[in-house]
Amino acid sequence: MARCDRGYLCEVCGEPVPEITDSDLYLRFVLGEVDSRLLLAAPERHLRCNPVQAQFIVDPHFEPVEVEGPFDKRLQDPGEVSRREFRVTAAWRRLRELPGSGLPLNAYPLPPDSPT
């Protein structure tokens, strides 16, 4: 991760986001939601500091996140929830594989037309 002098600071809690594997910004990049040109300028958050997104990560190695209120996935269309869980979980798993992989930045995102 860049920003050599001060590192990435979470815009929600203010604490550093030291690892790409805990980065909401890079998760969104892997999902194709953030352009690579914005990685150095876009706000950063810990995965858990964006619970609306984190609630869609469903993996035994990720402690579940619940959201109360109108963005709670339990209140959304089950088909859309299932599709989003599949895609966000796939992106989170890919994020965990990236450190030390040697992949170039442009190979990080998941293909837009496939869930994995």
C-alpha atoms as a PDB file:
ATOM      1  CA  MET A   1       0.000   0.000   0.000  1.00  0.00           C
ATOM      2  CA  ALA A   2       1.196   3.490  -0.768  1.00  0.00           C
ATOM      3  CA  ARG A   3       0.958   6.839   1.061  1.00  0.00           C
ATOM      4  CA  CYS A   4       4.448   6.377   2.417  1.00  0.00           C
ATOM      5  CA  ASP A   5       4.509   9.234   4.898  1.00  0.00           C
ATOM      6  CA  ARG A   6       1.262   8.768   6.768  1.00  0.00           C
ATOM      7  CA  GLY A   7      -0.232   5.512   5.530  1.00  0.00           C
ATOM      8  CA  TYR A   8      -3.911   4.980   4.959  1.00  0.00           C
ATOM      9  CA  LEU A   9      -6.093   6.298   7.740  1.00  0.00           C
ATOM     10  CA  CYS A  10      -9.657   5.090   8.147  1.00  0.00           C
ATOM     11  CA  GLU A  11     -12.070   7.949   7.527  1.00  0.00           C
ATOM     12  CA  VAL A  12     -14.477   6.432  10.063  1.00  0.00           C
ATOM     13  CA  CYS A  13     -12.337   5.549  13.101  1.00  0.00           C
ATOM     14  CA  GLY A  14      -9.140   7.451  12.260  1.00  0.00           C
ATOM     15  CA  GLU A  15      -6.910   4.424  12.864  1.00  0.00           C
ATOM     16  CA  PRO A  16      -4.400   3.181  10.249  1.00  0.00           C
ATOM     17  CA  VAL A  17      -5.449   0.526   7.754  1.00  0.00           C
ATOM     18  CA  PRO A  18      -2.068  -1.210   7.575  1.00  0.00           C
ATOM     19  CA  GLU A  19      -2.957  -4.247   5.467  1.00  0.00           C
ATOM     20  CA  ILE A  20      -4.623  -4.542   2.085  1.00  0.00           C
ATOM     21  CA  THR A  21      -6.569  -7.509   3.483  1.00  0.00           C
ATOM     22  CA  ASP A  22      -8.452  -5.150   5.846  1.00  0.00           C
ATOM     23  CA  SER A  23      -9.025  -2.427   3.248  1.00  0.00           C
ATOM     24  CA  ASP A  24     -12.521  -1.465   2.168  1.00  0.00           C
ATOM     25  CA  LEU A  25     -10.978   0.692  -0.578  1.00  0.00           C
ATOM     26  CA  TYR A  26      -9.121  -2.259  -2.101  1.00  0.00           C
ATOM     27  CA  LEU A  27     -12.150  -4.528  -1.692  1.00  0.00           C
ATOM     28  CA  ARG A  28     -14.147  -2.006  -3.724  1.00  0.00           C
ATOM     29  CA  PHE A  29     -11.292  -1.896  -6.264  1.00  0.00           C
ATOM     30  CA  VAL A  30     -11.342  -5.705  -6.588  1.00  0.00           C
ATOM     31  CA  LEU A  31     -15.114  -5.478  -7.061  1.00  0.00           C
ATOM     32  CA  GLY A  32     -14.570  -2.980  -9.887  1.00  0.00           C
ATOM     33  CA  GLU A  33     -16.266  -0.154  -7.987  1.00  0.00           C
ATOM     34  CA  VAL A  34     -13.150   2.061  -7.758  1.00  0.00           C
ATOM     35  CA  ASP A  35     -10.904   3.072 -10.640  1.00  0.00           C
ATOM     36  CA  SER A  36      -7.178   2.473 -10.112  1.00  0.00           C
ATOM     37  CA  ARG A  37      -6.517   6.215 -10.564  1.00  0.00           C
ATOM     38  CA  LEU A  38      -8.499   6.881  -7.383  1.00  0.00           C
ATOM     39  CA  LEU A  39      -6.595   4.485  -5.116  1.00  0.00           C
ATOM     40  CA  LEU A  40      -4.245   7.204  -3.874  1.00  0.00           C
ATOM     41  CA  ALA A  41      -6.956   9.823  -3.422  1.00  0.00           C
ATOM     42  CA  ALA A  42     -10.122   7.975  -2.370  1.00  0.00           C
ATOM     43  CA  PRO A  43     -11.027   7.743   1.314  1.00  0.00           C
ATOM     44  CA  GLU A  44     -10.024   4.547   3.092  1.00  0.00           C
ATOM     45  CA  ARG A  45     -11.901   2.515   5.694  1.00  0.00           C
ATOM     46  CA  HIS A  46     -11.414  -0.757   7.511  1.00  0.00           C
ATOM     47  CA  LEU A  47     -13.726  -3.459   6.182  1.00  0.00           C
ATOM     48  CA  ARG A  48     -15.643  -3.419   9.448  1.00  0.00           C
ATOM     49  CA  CYS A  49     -15.935   0.378   9.360  1.00  0.00           C
ATOM     50  CA  ASN A  50     -18.154  -0.082   6.301  1.00  0.00           C
ATOM     51  CA  PRO A  51     -20.678  -2.555   7.736  1.00  0.00           C
ATOM     52  CA  VAL A  52     -23.137  -2.108   4.865  1.00  0.00           C
ATOM     53  CA  GLN A  53     -20.558  -3.711   2.562  1.00  0.00           C
ATOM     54  CA  ALA A  54     -18.987  -6.058   5.143  1.00  0.00           C
ATOM     55  CA  GLN A  55     -22.314  -7.743   5.937  1.00  0.00           C
ATOM     56  CA  PHE A  56     -22.084  -9.415   2.519  1.00  0.00           C
ATOM     57  CA  ILE A  57     -18.829 -11.230   3.329  1.00  0.00           C
ATOM     58  CA  VAL A  58     -19.853 -14.774   4.231  1.00  0.00           C
ATOM     59  CA  ASP A  59     -16.828 -16.885   5.074  1.00  0.00           C
ATOM     60  CA  PRO A  60     -15.810 -18.926   8.140  1.00  0.00           C
ATOM     61  CA  HIS A  61     -12.647 -16.779   8.403  1.00  0.00           C
ATOM     62  CA  PHE A  62     -14.606 -13.510   8.616  1.00  0.00           C
ATOM     63  CA  GLU A  63     -16.689 -12.729  11.681  1.00  0.00           C
ATOM     64  CA  PRO A  64     -20.197 -11.851  10.457  1.00  0.00           C
ATOM     65  CA  VAL A  65     -21.315  -8.238  10.488  1.00  0.00           C
ATOM     66  CA  GLU A  66     -24.936  -7.275  11.102  1.00  0.00           C
ATOM     67  CA  VAL A  67     -26.484  -3.972  10.096  1.00  0.00           C
ATOM     68  CA  GLU A  68     -29.570  -2.566  11.757  1.00  0.00           C
ATOM     69  CA  GLY A  69     -31.921  -0.338   9.825  1.00  0.00           C
ATOM     70  CA  PRO A  70     -32.865   0.116   6.186  1.00  0.00           C
ATOM     71  CA  PHE A  71     -29.559  -1.230   4.796  1.00  0.00           C
ATOM     72  CA  ASP A  72     -29.813  -4.535   6.692  1.00  0.00           C
ATOM     73  CA  LYS A  73     -29.429  -7.309   4.116  1.00  0.00           C
ATOM     74  CA  ARG A  74     -32.130  -9.289   5.918  1.00  0.00           C
ATOM     75  CA  LEU A  75     -34.622  -6.677   4.672  1.00  0.00           C
ATOM     76  CA  GLN A  76     -33.507  -6.923   1.048  1.00  0.00           C
ATOM     77  CA  ASP A  77     -34.519  -9.183  -1.828  1.00  0.00           C
ATOM     78  CA  PRO A  78     -33.098 -12.655  -1.079  1.00  0.00           C
ATOM     79  CA  GLY A  79     -31.940 -13.198  -4.666  1.00  0.00           C
ATOM     80  CA  GLU A  80     -30.048  -9.913  -4.710  1.00  0.00           C
ATOM     81  CA  VAL A  81     -28.571 -10.661  -1.269  1.00  0.00           C
ATOM     82  CA  SER A  82     -27.361 -14.063  -2.447  1.00  0.00           C
ATOM     83  CA  ARG A  83     -25.788 -12.596  -5.596  1.00  0.00           C
ATOM     84  CA  ARG A  84     -24.100  -9.824  -3.607  1.00  0.00           C
ATOM     85  CA  GLU A  85     -22.855 -12.227  -0.918  1.00  0.00           C
ATOM     86  CA  PHE A  86     -21.314 -14.422  -3.590  1.00  0.00           C
ATOM     87  CA  ARG A  87     -19.554 -11.535  -5.357  1.00  0.00           C
ATOM     88  CA  VAL A  88     -18.375  -9.622  -2.244  1.00  0.00           C
ATOM     89  CA  THR A  89     -17.148 -12.834  -0.600  1.00  0.00           C
ATOM     90  CA  ALA A  90     -15.260 -13.761  -3.784  1.00  0.00           C
ATOM     91  CA  ALA A  91     -13.661 -10.294  -3.801  1.00  0.00           C
ATOM     92  CA  TRP A  92     -12.713 -10.599  -0.110  1.00  0.00           C
ATOM     93  CA  ARG A  93     -11.107 -13.991  -0.736  1.00  0.00           C
ATOM     94  CA  ARG A  94      -9.186 -12.560  -3.690  1.00  0.00           C
ATOM     95  CA  LEU A  95      -8.066  -9.647  -1.516  1.00  0.00           C
ATOM     96  CA  ARG A  96      -6.558 -12.153   0.921  1.00  0.00           C
ATOM     97  CA  GLU A  97      -4.636 -13.829  -1.914  1.00  0.00           C
ATOM     98  CA  LEU A  98      -3.059 -10.635  -3.266  1.00  0.00           C
ATOM     99  CA  PRO A  99      -0.214  -9.965  -0.789  1.00  0.00           C
ATOM    100  CA  GLY A 100       2.897 -11.625  -2.149  1.00  0.00           C
ATOM    101  CA  SER A 101       1.106 -12.821  -5.292  1.00  0.00           C
ATOM    102  CA  GLY A 102       3.182 -10.693  -7.643  1.00  0.00           C
ATOM    103  CA  LEU A 103       0.081  -9.769  -9.623  1.00  0.00           C
ATOM    104  CA  PRO A 104       0.108  -6.343 -11.250  1.00  0.00           C
ATOM    105  CA  LEU A 105      -2.472  -3.852  -9.991  1.00  0.00           C
ATOM    106  CA  ASN A 106      -4.563  -4.151 -13.145  1.00  0.00           C
ATOM    107  CA  ALA A 107      -5.057  -7.885 -12.444  1.00  0.00           C
ATOM    108  CA  TYR A 108      -6.587  -7.340  -8.979  1.00  0.00           C
ATOM    109  CA  PRO A 109     -10.235  -6.764 -10.005  1.00  0.00           C
ATOM    110  CA  LEU A 110     -12.600  -9.648 -10.520  1.00  0.00           C
ATOM    111  CA  PRO A 111     -13.929  -9.959 -14.058  1.00  0.00           C
ATOM    112  CA  PRO A 112     -17.071  -7.787 -14.231  1.00  0.00           C
ATOM    113  CA  ASP A 113     -19.193 -10.482 -15.863  1.00  0.00           C
ATOM    114  CA  SER A 114     -18.347 -13.323 -13.499  1.00  0.00           C
ATOM    115  CA  PRO A 115     -18.831 -13.751  -9.763  1.00  0.00           C
ATOM    116  CA  THR A 116     -15.376 -15.277  -9.223  1.00  0.00           C
END
